C-alpha atoms as a PDB file:
ATOM      1  CA  ALA A   1     -25.210 -12.892 -14.112  1.00  0.00           C
ATOM      2  CA  MET A   2     -26.826 -15.053 -16.802  1.00  0.00           C
ATOM      3  CA  HIS A   3     -26.505 -12.323 -19.440  1.00  0.00           C
ATOM      4  CA  TYR A   4     -23.644 -10.179 -18.079  1.00  0.00           C
ATOM      5  CA  THR A   5     -20.143 -10.590 -19.493  1.00  0.00           C
ATOM      6  CA  SER A   6     -17.187  -9.514 -17.351  1.00  0.00           C
ATOM      7  CA  ASP A   7     -14.976  -8.640 -20.299  1.00  0.00           C
ATOM      8  CA  THR A   8     -13.818  -5.090 -20.951  1.00  0.00           C
ATOM      9  CA  ALA A   9     -14.805  -5.318 -24.616  1.00  0.00           C
ATOM     10  CA  THR A  10     -18.358  -6.571 -24.037  1.00  0.00           C
ATOM     11  CA  ALA A  11     -19.389  -5.578 -20.474  1.00  0.00           C
ATOM     12  CA  PHE A  12     -21.087  -2.321 -21.466  1.00  0.00           C
ATOM     13  CA  SER A  13     -22.917  -3.878 -24.404  1.00  0.00           C
ATOM     14  CA  SER A  14     -24.022  -6.813 -22.222  1.00  0.00           C
ATOM     15  CA  VAL A  15     -25.640  -4.369 -19.770  1.00  0.00           C
ATOM     16  CA  THR A  16     -27.317  -2.639 -22.722  1.00  0.00           C
ATOM     17  CA  HIS A  17     -28.491  -6.063 -23.946  1.00  0.00           C
ATOM     18  CA  ILE A  18     -29.949  -6.820 -20.497  1.00  0.00           C
ATOM     19  CA  CYS A  19     -31.871  -3.528 -20.485  1.00  0.00           C
ATOM     20  CA  ARG A  20     -33.132  -3.708 -24.069  1.00  0.00           C
ATOM     21  CA  ASP A  21     -33.462  -7.356 -25.089  1.00  0.00           C
ATOM     22  CA  VAL A  22     -33.977  -9.471 -21.958  1.00  0.00           C
ATOM     23  CA  ASN A  23     -37.589  -9.682 -20.764  1.00  0.00           C
ATOM     24  CA  TYR A  24     -37.926  -7.267 -17.839  1.00  0.00           C
ATOM     25  CA  GLY A  25     -34.137  -6.932 -17.730  1.00  0.00           C
ATOM     26  CA  TRP A  26     -34.478  -3.170 -17.349  1.00  0.00           C
ATOM     27  CA  LEU A  27     -36.701  -3.703 -14.308  1.00  0.00           C
ATOM     28  CA  ILE A  28     -34.253  -6.102 -12.661  1.00  0.00           C
ATOM     29  CA  ARG A  29     -31.322  -3.755 -13.305  1.00  0.00           C
ATOM     30  CA  TYR A  30     -33.045  -0.643 -11.969  1.00  0.00           C
ATOM     31  CA  LEU A  31     -34.488  -2.508  -8.975  1.00  0.00           C
ATOM     32  CA  HIS A  32     -30.967  -3.731  -8.217  1.00  0.00           C
ATOM     33  CA  ALA A  33     -29.337  -0.305  -8.593  1.00  0.00           C
ATOM     34  CA  ASN A  34     -32.016   1.725  -6.793  1.00  0.00           C
ATOM     35  CA  GLY A  35     -32.527  -1.018  -4.210  1.00  0.00           C
ATOM     36  CA  ALA A  36     -28.851  -0.683  -3.303  1.00  0.00           C
ATOM     37  CA  SER A  37     -29.340   3.053  -2.754  1.00  0.00           C
ATOM     38  CA  MET A  38     -32.405   2.399  -0.612  1.00  0.00           C
ATOM     39  CA  PHE A  39     -30.444  -0.206   1.346  1.00  0.00           C
ATOM     40  CA  PHE A  40     -27.785   2.430   2.079  1.00  0.00           C
ATOM     41  CA  ILE A  41     -30.439   4.882   3.290  1.00  0.00           C
ATOM     42  CA  CYS A  42     -31.695   2.234   5.735  1.00  0.00           C
ATOM     43  CA  LEU A  43     -28.114   1.393   6.723  1.00  0.00           C
ATOM     44  CA  TYR A  44     -27.220   5.028   7.458  1.00  0.00           C
ATOM     45  CA  MET A  45     -30.421   5.446   9.476  1.00  0.00           C
ATOM     46  CA  HIS A  46     -29.473   2.319  11.452  1.00  0.00           C
ATOM     47  CA  VAL A  47     -25.974   3.682  12.154  1.00  0.00           C
ATOM     48  CA  GLY A  48     -27.417   7.091  13.077  1.00  0.00           C
ATOM     49  CA  ARG A  49     -29.859   5.467  15.499  1.00  0.00           C
ATOM     50  CA  GLY A  50     -26.962   3.517  17.001  1.00  0.00           C
ATOM     51  CA  ILE A  51     -24.970   6.719  17.528  1.00  0.00           C
ATOM     52  CA  TYR A  52     -27.986   8.560  18.960  1.00  0.00           C
ATOM     53  CA  TYR A  53     -28.763   5.831  21.503  1.00  0.00           C
ATOM     54  CA  GLY A  54     -25.112   5.175  22.380  1.00  0.00           C
ATOM     55  CA  SER A  55     -25.017   1.636  21.018  1.00  0.00           C
ATOM     56  CA  TYR A  56     -21.286   2.067  20.376  1.00  0.00           C
ATOM     57  CA  THR A  57     -20.700   1.127  24.013  1.00  0.00           C
ATOM     58  CA  TYR A  58     -21.306  -2.508  23.019  1.00  0.00           C
ATOM     59  CA  LEU A  59     -17.933  -2.789  21.302  1.00  0.00           C
ATOM     60  CA  GLU A  60     -18.252  -6.224  19.705  1.00  0.00           C
ATOM     61  CA  THR A  61     -21.660  -5.514  18.200  1.00  0.00           C
ATOM     62  CA  TRP A  62     -20.612  -2.033  17.058  1.00  0.00           C
ATOM     63  CA  ASN A  63     -17.305  -3.170  15.514  1.00  0.00           C
ATOM     64  CA  ILE A  64     -18.958  -6.000  13.587  1.00  0.00           C
ATOM     65  CA  GLY A  65     -21.505  -3.432  12.391  1.00  0.00           C
ATOM     66  CA  ILE A  66     -18.744  -1.130  11.141  1.00  0.00           C
ATOM     67  CA  ILE A  67     -17.068  -4.051   9.357  1.00  0.00           C
ATOM     68  CA  LEU A  68     -20.472  -4.790   7.816  1.00  0.00           C
ATOM     69  CA  LEU A  69     -20.777  -1.171   6.670  1.00  0.00           C
ATOM     70  CA  PHE A  70     -17.402  -1.313   4.907  1.00  0.00           C
ATOM     71  CA  ALA A  71     -18.202  -4.708   3.347  1.00  0.00           C
ATOM     72  CA  VAL A  72     -21.492  -3.343   1.975  1.00  0.00           C
ATOM     73  CA  MET A  73     -19.679  -0.257   0.649  1.00  0.00           C
ATOM     74  CA  ALA A  74     -17.108  -2.477  -1.073  1.00  0.00           C
ATOM     75  CA  THR A  75     -19.857  -4.596  -2.625  1.00  0.00           C
ATOM     76  CA  ALA A  76     -21.689  -1.512  -3.897  1.00  0.00           C
ATOM     77  CA  PHE A  77     -18.460  -0.037  -5.275  1.00  0.00           C
ATOM     78  CA  MET A  78     -17.680  -3.228  -7.154  1.00  0.00           C
ATOM     79  CA  GLY A  79     -21.217  -3.304  -8.543  1.00  0.00           C
ATOM     80  CA  TYR A  80     -20.790   0.309  -9.680  1.00  0.00           C
ATOM     81  CA  ILE A  81     -17.755  -0.739 -11.719  1.00  0.00           C
ATOM     82  CA  LEU A  82     -19.448  -3.633 -13.542  1.00  0.00           C
ATOM     83  CA  PRO A  83     -21.268  -1.696 -16.337  1.00  0.00           C
ATOM     84  CA  TRP A  84     -17.796  -0.556 -17.489  1.00  0.00           C
ATOM     85  CA  GLY A  85     -18.737   2.866 -18.791  1.00  0.00           C
ATOM     86  CA  GLN A  86     -16.480   5.895 -18.471  1.00  0.00           C
ATOM     87  CA  MET A  87     -17.713   6.631 -14.932  1.00  0.00           C
ATOM     88  CA  SER A  88     -17.094   3.008 -13.960  1.00  0.00           C
ATOM     89  CA  PHE A  89     -13.579   2.919 -15.391  1.00  0.00           C
ATOM     90  CA  TRP A  90     -12.470   6.211 -13.875  1.00  0.00           C
ATOM     91  CA  GLY A  91     -14.251   5.451 -10.609  1.00  0.00           C
ATOM     92  CA  ALA A  92     -12.295   2.206 -10.355  1.00  0.00           C
ATOM     93  CA  THR A  93      -9.058   3.969 -11.260  1.00  0.00           C
ATOM     94  CA  VAL A  94      -9.433   6.866  -8.818  1.00  0.00           C
ATOM     95  CA  ILE A  95     -10.859   4.971  -5.829  1.00  0.00           C
ATOM     96  CA  THR A  96      -8.414   2.061  -6.031  1.00  0.00           C
ATOM     97  CA  ASN A  97      -5.537   4.523  -6.493  1.00  0.00           C
ATOM     98  CA  LEU A  98      -6.392   5.984  -3.078  1.00  0.00           C
ATOM     99  CA  LEU A  99      -4.866   2.828  -1.610  1.00  0.00           C
ATOM    100  CA  SER A 100      -1.482   3.829  -3.063  1.00  0.00           C
ATOM    101  CA  ALA A 101      -1.269   6.431  -0.252  1.00  0.00           C
ATOM    102  CA  ILE A 102      -0.666   3.599   2.243  1.00  0.00           C
ATOM    103  CA  PRO A 103       3.044   3.744   3.127  1.00  0.00           C
ATOM    104  CA  TYR A 104       5.358   0.962   1.885  1.00  0.00           C
ATOM    105  CA  ILE A 105       2.686  -1.407   0.525  1.00  0.00           C
ATOM    106  CA  GLY A 106       0.305   0.990  -1.247  1.00  0.00           C
ATOM    107  CA  THR A 107       1.574   0.665  -4.813  1.00  0.00           C
ATOM    108  CA  THR A 108       1.963  -3.098  -4.556  1.00  0.00           C
ATOM    109  CA  LEU A 109      -1.530  -3.407  -3.067  1.00  0.00           C
ATOM    110  CA  VAL A 110      -3.073  -1.374  -5.907  1.00  0.00           C
ATOM    111  CA  GLU A 111      -1.320  -3.472  -8.560  1.00  0.00           C
ATOM    112  CA  TRP A 112      -2.460  -6.634  -6.776  1.00  0.00           C
ATOM    113  CA  ILE A 113      -6.092  -5.440  -6.748  1.00  0.00           C
ATOM    114  CA  TRP A 114      -5.873  -4.404 -10.403  1.00  0.00           C
ATOM    115  CA  GLY A 115      -4.234  -7.675 -11.442  1.00  0.00           C
ATOM    116  CA  GLY A 116      -1.726  -5.675 -13.472  1.00  0.00           C
ATOM    117  CA  PHE A 117      -0.391  -2.166 -13.901  1.00  0.00           C
ATOM    118  CA  SER A 118      -3.724  -0.548 -14.777  1.00  0.00           C
ATOM    119  CA  VAL A 119      -7.468  -1.110 -14.440  1.00  0.00           C
ATOM    120  CA  ASP A 120      -8.217  -3.733 -17.081  1.00  0.00           C
ATOM    121  CA  LYS A 121      -9.945  -7.070 -17.755  1.00  0.00           C
ATOM    122  CA  ALA A 122      -8.426  -8.737 -14.682  1.00  0.00           C
ATOM    123  CA  THR A 123      -9.808  -5.951 -12.475  1.00  0.00           C
ATOM    124  CA  LEU A 124     -13.293  -6.254 -13.945  1.00  0.00           C
ATOM    125  CA  THR A 125     -13.308 -10.050 -13.573  1.00  0.00           C
ATOM    126  CA  ARG A 126     -12.154  -9.822  -9.950  1.00  0.00           C
ATOM    127  CA  PHE A 127     -14.725  -7.174  -9.106  1.00  0.00           C
ATOM    128  CA  PHE A 128     -17.478  -9.275 -10.694  1.00  0.00           C
ATOM    129  CA  ALA A 129     -16.450 -12.302  -8.617  1.00  0.00           C
ATOM    130  CA  PHE A 130     -16.219 -10.274  -5.399  1.00  0.00           C
ATOM    131  CA  HIS A 131     -19.549  -8.539  -6.108  1.00  0.00           C
ATOM    132  CA  PHE A 132     -21.077 -12.026  -6.130  1.00  0.00           C
ATOM    133  CA  ILE A 133     -19.145 -13.501  -3.161  1.00  0.00           C
ATOM    134  CA  LEU A 134     -19.244 -10.570  -0.715  1.00  0.00           C
ATOM    135  CA  PRO A 135     -23.024 -10.699  -0.069  1.00  0.00           C
ATOM    136  CA  PHE A 136     -22.595 -14.224   1.339  1.00  0.00           C
ATOM    137  CA  ILE A 137     -19.833 -12.961   3.630  1.00  0.00           C
ATOM    138  CA  ILE A 138     -22.098 -10.044   4.585  1.00  0.00           C
ATOM    139  CA  ALA A 139     -24.903 -12.490   5.460  1.00  0.00           C
ATOM    140  CA  ALA A 140     -22.512 -14.375   7.768  1.00  0.00           C
ATOM    141  CA  LEU A 141     -21.401 -11.087   9.364  1.00  0.00           C
ATOM    142  CA  VAL A 142     -25.057 -10.114   9.906  1.00  0.00           C
ATOM    143  CA  MET A 143     -25.578 -13.383  11.791  1.00  0.00           C
ATOM    144  CA  ILE A 144     -22.522 -12.655  13.948  1.00  0.00           C
ATOM    145  CA  HIS A 145     -23.783  -9.083  14.481  1.00  0.00           C
ATOM    146  CA  LEU A 146     -27.162 -10.418  15.650  1.00  0.00           C
ATOM    147  CA  LEU A 147     -25.465 -13.035  17.835  1.00  0.00           C
ATOM    148  CA  PHE A 148     -23.527 -10.308  19.671  1.00  0.00           C
ATOM    149  CA  LEU A 149     -26.682  -8.170  19.854  1.00  0.00           C
ATOM    150  CA  HIS A 150     -28.649 -10.968  21.517  1.00  0.00           C
ATOM    151  CA  GLU A 151     -25.717 -11.636  23.851  1.00  0.00           C
ATOM    152  CA  THR A 152     -25.712  -8.073  25.211  1.00  0.00           C
ATOM    153  CA  GLY A 153     -29.336  -7.103  24.563  1.00  0.00           C
ATOM    154  CA  SER A 154     -30.367  -4.134  22.483  1.00  0.00           C
ATOM    155  CA  ASN A 155     -29.984  -0.632  23.836  1.00  0.00           C
ATOM    156  CA  ASN A 156     -32.848   0.787  25.899  1.00  0.00           C
ATOM    157  CA  PRO A 157     -33.021   4.595  25.455  1.00  0.00           C
ATOM    158  CA  SER A 158     -34.765   5.176  28.802  1.00  0.00           C
ATOM    159  CA  GLY A 159     -32.100   3.337  30.809  1.00  0.00           C
ATOM    160  CA  ILE A 160     -34.801   1.656  32.900  1.00  0.00           C
ATOM    161  CA  PRO A 161     -34.905  -2.165  32.880  1.00  0.00           C
ATOM    162  CA  SER A 162     -37.897  -3.187  30.790  1.00  0.00           C
ATOM    163  CA  ASP A 163     -38.104  -6.909  31.528  1.00  0.00           C
ATOM    164  CA  SER A 164     -41.636  -6.593  32.925  1.00  0.00           C
ATOM    165  CA  ASP A 165     -42.961  -4.635  29.922  1.00  0.00           C
ATOM    166  CA  LYS A 166     -41.883  -7.069  27.202  1.00  0.00           C
ATOM    167  CA  ILE A 167     -44.361  -8.184  24.549  1.00  0.00           C
ATOM    168  CA  PRO A 168     -43.976 -11.127  22.157  1.00  0.00           C
ATOM    169  CA  PHE A 169     -42.253 -10.489  18.837  1.00  0.00           C
ATOM    170  CA  HIS A 170     -45.006 -12.243  16.905  1.00  0.00           C
ATOM    171  CA  PRO A 171     -47.558 -10.913  15.981  1.00  0.00           C
ATOM    172  CA  TYR A 172     -46.815  -7.337  17.147  1.00  0.00           C
ATOM    173  CA  TYR A 173     -43.396  -6.694  15.621  1.00  0.00           C
ATOM    174  CA  THR A 174     -43.906  -9.125  12.756  1.00  0.00           C
ATOM    175  CA  ILE A 175     -46.802  -7.009  11.477  1.00  0.00           C
ATOM    176  CA  LYS A 176     -44.767  -3.789  11.856  1.00  0.00           C
ATOM    177  CA  ASP A 177     -41.779  -5.318  10.031  1.00  0.00           C
ATOM    178  CA  VAL A 178     -43.903  -6.690   7.182  1.00  0.00           C
ATOM    179  CA  LEU A 179     -45.688  -3.339   6.759  1.00  0.00           C
ATOM    180  CA  GLY A 180     -42.381  -1.450   6.762  1.00  0.00           C
ATOM    181  CA  PHE A 181     -40.917  -3.869   4.224  1.00  0.00           C
ATOM    182  CA  LEU A 182     -43.973  -3.561   1.959  1.00  0.00           C
ATOM    183  CA  MET A 183     -43.799   0.245   2.143  1.00  0.00           C
ATOM    184  CA  LEU A 184     -40.121   0.177   1.135  1.00  0.00           C
ATOM    185  CA  ILE A 185     -40.841  -2.191  -1.766  1.00  0.00           C
ATOM    186  CA  LEU A 186     -43.740   0.032  -2.885  1.00  0.00           C
ATOM    187  CA  LEU A 187     -41.507   3.117  -2.757  1.00  0.00           C
ATOM    188  CA  LEU A 188     -38.800   1.295  -4.704  1.00  0.00           C
ATOM    189  CA  MET A 189     -41.286   0.154  -7.355  1.00  0.00           C
ATOM    190  CA  LEU A 190     -42.639   3.705  -7.691  1.00  0.00           C
ATOM    191  CA  LEU A 191     -39.079   4.958  -8.090  1.00  0.00           C
ATOM    192  CA  VAL A 192     -38.211   2.379 -10.747  1.00  0.00           C
ATOM    193  CA  LEU A 193     -41.463   2.393 -12.706  1.00  0.00           C
END
Protein backbone atom coordinates (compact mmCIF):
# COMPACT_ATOMS: atom_id res chain seq x y z
CA ALA A 1 0.00 0.00 0.00
CA MET A 2 3.00 2.31 0.45
CA HIS A 3 3.98 2.04 -3.22
CA TYR A 4 0.70 1.03 -4.90
CA THR A 5 -1.39 3.66 -6.68
CA SER A 6 -5.11 3.01 -7.15
CA ASP A 7 -5.37 5.03 -10.34
CA THR A 8 -6.24 3.43 -13.66
CA ALA A 9 -3.37 5.22 -15.40
CA THR A 10 -0.65 4.21 -12.93
CA ALA A 11 -1.85 1.05 -11.11
CA PHE A 12 -0.14 -1.42 -13.45
CA SER A 13 3.12 0.52 -13.51
CA SER A 14 3.05 0.85 -9.70
CA VAL A 15 2.85 -2.95 -9.38
CA THR A 16 5.74 -3.23 -11.84
CA HIS A 17 7.66 -0.67 -9.75
CA ILE A 18 7.01 -2.73 -6.60
CA CYS A 19 8.35 -5.88 -8.27
CA ARG A 20 11.39 -4.29 -9.90
CA ASP A 21 12.51 -1.32 -7.82
CA VAL A 22 11.36 -1.83 -4.22
CA ASN A 23 13.70 -3.95 -2.09
CA TYR A 24 12.18 -7.43 -1.90
CA GLY A 25 8.95 -6.06 -3.38
CA TRP A 26 8.74 -9.05 -5.71
CA LEU A 27 8.94 -11.37 -2.70
CA ILE A 28 6.18 -9.55 -0.83
CA ARG A 29 3.93 -9.53 -3.90
CA TYR A 30 4.38 -13.22 -4.71
CA LEU A 31 4.05 -14.24 -1.05
CA HIS A 32 0.81 -12.26 -0.93
CA ALA A 33 -0.59 -13.72 -4.16
CA ASN A 34 0.48 -17.33 -3.58
CA GLY A 35 -0.33 -17.10 0.13
CA ALA A 36 -3.90 -16.23 -0.82
CA SER A 37 -4.08 -19.36 -2.98
CA MET A 38 -2.68 -21.46 -0.14
CA PHE A 39 -5.19 -19.88 2.23
CA PHE A 40 -8.00 -20.96 -0.11
CA ILE A 41 -6.66 -24.53 -0.20
CA CYS A 42 -6.78 -24.61 3.61
CA LEU A 43 -10.23 -23.00 3.58
CA TYR A 44 -11.65 -25.56 1.14
CA MET A 45 -10.15 -28.40 3.18
CA HIS A 46 -11.79 -26.92 6.29
CA VAL A 47 -15.19 -26.72 4.54
CA GLY A 48 -14.76 -30.26 3.17
CA ARG A 49 -13.96 -31.57 6.65
CA GLY A 50 -17.04 -29.77 7.96
CA ILE A 51 -19.23 -31.43 5.32
CA TYR A 52 -17.66 -34.85 5.93
CA TYR A 53 -18.22 -34.72 9.69
CA GLY A 54 -21.68 -33.15 9.44
CA SER A 55 -20.74 -29.87 11.09
CA TYR A 56 -23.51 -28.16 9.11
CA THR A 57 -25.94 -29.30 11.80
CA TYR A 58 -24.61 -26.46 13.99
CA LEU A 59 -26.43 -23.81 11.97
CA GLU A 60 -25.02 -20.66 13.55
CA THR A 61 -21.42 -21.81 13.30
CA TRP A 62 -21.92 -23.13 9.76
CA ASN A 63 -23.71 -20.01 8.49
CA ILE A 64 -21.06 -17.67 9.89
CA GLY A 65 -18.48 -19.91 8.21
CA ILE A 66 -20.25 -19.60 4.85
CA ILE A 67 -20.43 -15.81 5.26
CA LEU A 68 -16.70 -15.93 6.02
CA LEU A 69 -16.08 -17.95 2.85
CA PHE A 70 -17.89 -15.36 0.71
CA ALA A 71 -16.11 -12.47 2.44
CA VAL A 72 -12.72 -14.10 1.77
CA MET A 73 -13.73 -14.71 -1.87
CA ALA A 74 -14.73 -11.05 -2.23
CA THR A 75 -11.43 -9.91 -0.72
CA ALA A 76 -9.44 -12.15 -3.06
CA PHE A 77 -11.47 -10.98 -6.07
CA MET A 78 -10.83 -7.35 -5.22
CA GLY A 79 -7.12 -8.07 -4.79
CA TYR A 80 -7.12 -9.77 -8.21
CA ILE A 81 -8.42 -6.55 -9.75
CA LEU A 82 -5.79 -4.24 -8.23
CA PRO A 83 -2.88 -4.82 -10.69
CA TRP A 84 -5.20 -3.44 -13.40
CA GLY A 85 -3.96 -5.51 -16.31
CA GLN A 86 -6.24 -6.81 -19.05
CA MET A 87 -7.24 -9.86 -16.98
CA SER A 88 -8.01 -7.61 -14.02
CA PHE A 89 -10.13 -5.19 -16.04
CA TRP A 90 -12.14 -7.85 -17.84
CA GLY A 91 -12.41 -9.95 -14.69
CA ALA A 92 -13.93 -6.96 -12.90
CA THR A 93 -16.24 -6.26 -15.82
CA VAL A 94 -17.50 -9.82 -16.26
CA ILE A 95 -17.84 -10.81 -12.59
CA THR A 96 -19.53 -7.59 -11.49
CA ASN A 97 -21.85 -7.78 -14.51
CA LEU A 98 -23.14 -11.10 -13.17
CA LEU A 99 -24.98 -9.05 -10.55
CA SER A 100 -27.06 -7.44 -13.32
CA ALA A 101 -28.99 -10.75 -13.52
CA ILE A 102 -30.66 -9.91 -10.19
CA PRO A 103 -34.23 -8.87 -11.03
CA TYR A 104 -35.25 -5.21 -10.60
CA ILE A 105 -32.10 -3.97 -8.83
CA GLY A 106 -29.33 -5.69 -10.80
CA THR A 107 -28.38 -2.90 -13.19
CA THR A 108 -28.56 -0.24 -10.48
CA LEU A 109 -26.47 -2.41 -8.15
CA VAL A 110 -23.77 -2.90 -10.80
CA GLU A 111 -23.59 0.83 -11.54
CA TRP A 112 -23.39 1.53 -7.80
CA ILE A 113 -20.49 -0.92 -7.38
CA TRP A 114 -18.72 0.51 -10.43
CA GLY A 115 -19.26 4.10 -9.31
CA GLY A 116 -20.36 4.96 -12.84
CA PHE A 117 -21.50 3.34 -16.06
CA SER A 118 -18.37 1.23 -16.60
CA VAL A 119 -15.41 -0.22 -14.70
CA ASP A 120 -13.13 2.77 -14.19
CA LYS A 121 -11.07 4.72 -11.63
CA ALA A 122 -13.91 4.82 -9.09
CA THR A 123 -14.20 1.02 -9.24
CA LEU A 124 -10.47 0.53 -8.73
CA THR A 125 -10.38 2.96 -5.79
CA ARG A 126 -13.36 1.27 -4.14
CA PHE A 127 -11.90 -2.19 -4.62
CA PHE A 128 -8.58 -1.04 -3.15
CA ALA A 129 -10.35 0.35 -0.07
CA PHE A 130 -12.48 -2.78 0.37
CA HIS A 131 -9.46 -5.06 -0.15
CA PHE A 132 -7.92 -3.28 2.85
CA ILE A 133 -11.05 -3.07 5.05
CA LEU A 134 -12.55 -6.54 4.49
CA PRO A 135 -9.76 -8.49 6.28
CA PHE A 136 -10.63 -6.63 9.50
CA ILE A 137 -14.29 -7.58 9.06
CA ILE A 138 -13.16 -11.16 8.34
CA ALA A 139 -11.14 -11.18 11.59
CA ALA A 140 -14.26 -10.11 13.52
CA LEU A 141 -16.31 -12.82 11.77
CA VAL A 142 -13.66 -15.42 12.67
CA MET A 143 -14.02 -14.43 16.33
CA ILE A 144 -17.81 -14.80 16.08
CA HIS A 145 -17.33 -18.15 14.30
CA LEU A 146 -15.07 -19.37 17.13
CA LEU A 147 -17.49 -18.03 19.74
CA PHE A 148 -20.32 -20.11 18.26
CA LEU A 149 -17.97 -23.10 17.93
CA HIS A 150 -17.05 -22.95 21.62
CA GLU A 151 -20.73 -22.51 22.51
CA THR A 152 -21.75 -25.76 20.81
CA GLY A 153 -18.47 -27.67 20.97
CA SER A 154 -16.68 -29.02 17.94
CA ASN A 155 -18.02 -32.06 16.14
CA ASN A 156 -16.89 -35.48 17.38
CA PRO A 157 -16.79 -37.96 14.46
CA SER A 158 -17.25 -41.03 16.69
CA GLY A 159 -20.43 -39.70 18.31
CA ILE A 160 -19.22 -40.90 21.72
CA PRO A 161 -18.84 -38.26 24.46
CA SER A 162 -15.12 -37.69 24.94
CA ASP A 163 -15.08 -35.60 28.11
CA SER A 164 -12.95 -38.17 29.96
CA ASP A 165 -10.33 -38.42 27.19
CA LYS A 166 -9.53 -34.72 26.88
CA ILE A 167 -5.92 -33.53 26.91
CA PRO A 168 -4.69 -29.96 27.41
CA PHE A 169 -4.33 -27.77 24.33
CA HIS A 170 -0.84 -26.67 25.34
CA PRO A 171 1.68 -28.21 24.71
CA TYR A 172 0.15 -31.03 22.62
CA TYR A 173 -1.89 -29.11 20.05
CA THR A 174 0.31 -26.03 20.20
CA ILE A 175 3.26 -28.06 18.91
CA LYS A 176 1.12 -29.63 16.15
CA ASP A 177 -0.23 -26.21 15.09
CA VAL A 178 3.21 -24.58 15.06
CA LEU A 179 4.67 -27.47 13.03
CA GLY A 180 1.79 -27.33 10.55
CA PHE A 181 2.17 -23.57 10.21
CA LEU A 182 5.93 -23.85 9.66
CA MET A 183 5.40 -26.54 7.00
CA LEU A 184 2.91 -24.30 5.17
CA ILE A 185 5.30 -21.33 5.32
CA LEU A 186 8.15 -23.53 4.05
CA LEU A 187 6.00 -24.77 1.17
CA LEU A 188 4.97 -21.20 0.34
CA MET A 189 8.59 -20.01 0.39
CA LEU A 190 9.63 -22.90 -1.88
CA LEU A 191 6.80 -21.98 -4.24
CA VAL A 192 7.75 -18.29 -4.33
CA LEU A 193 11.53 -18.63 -4.42
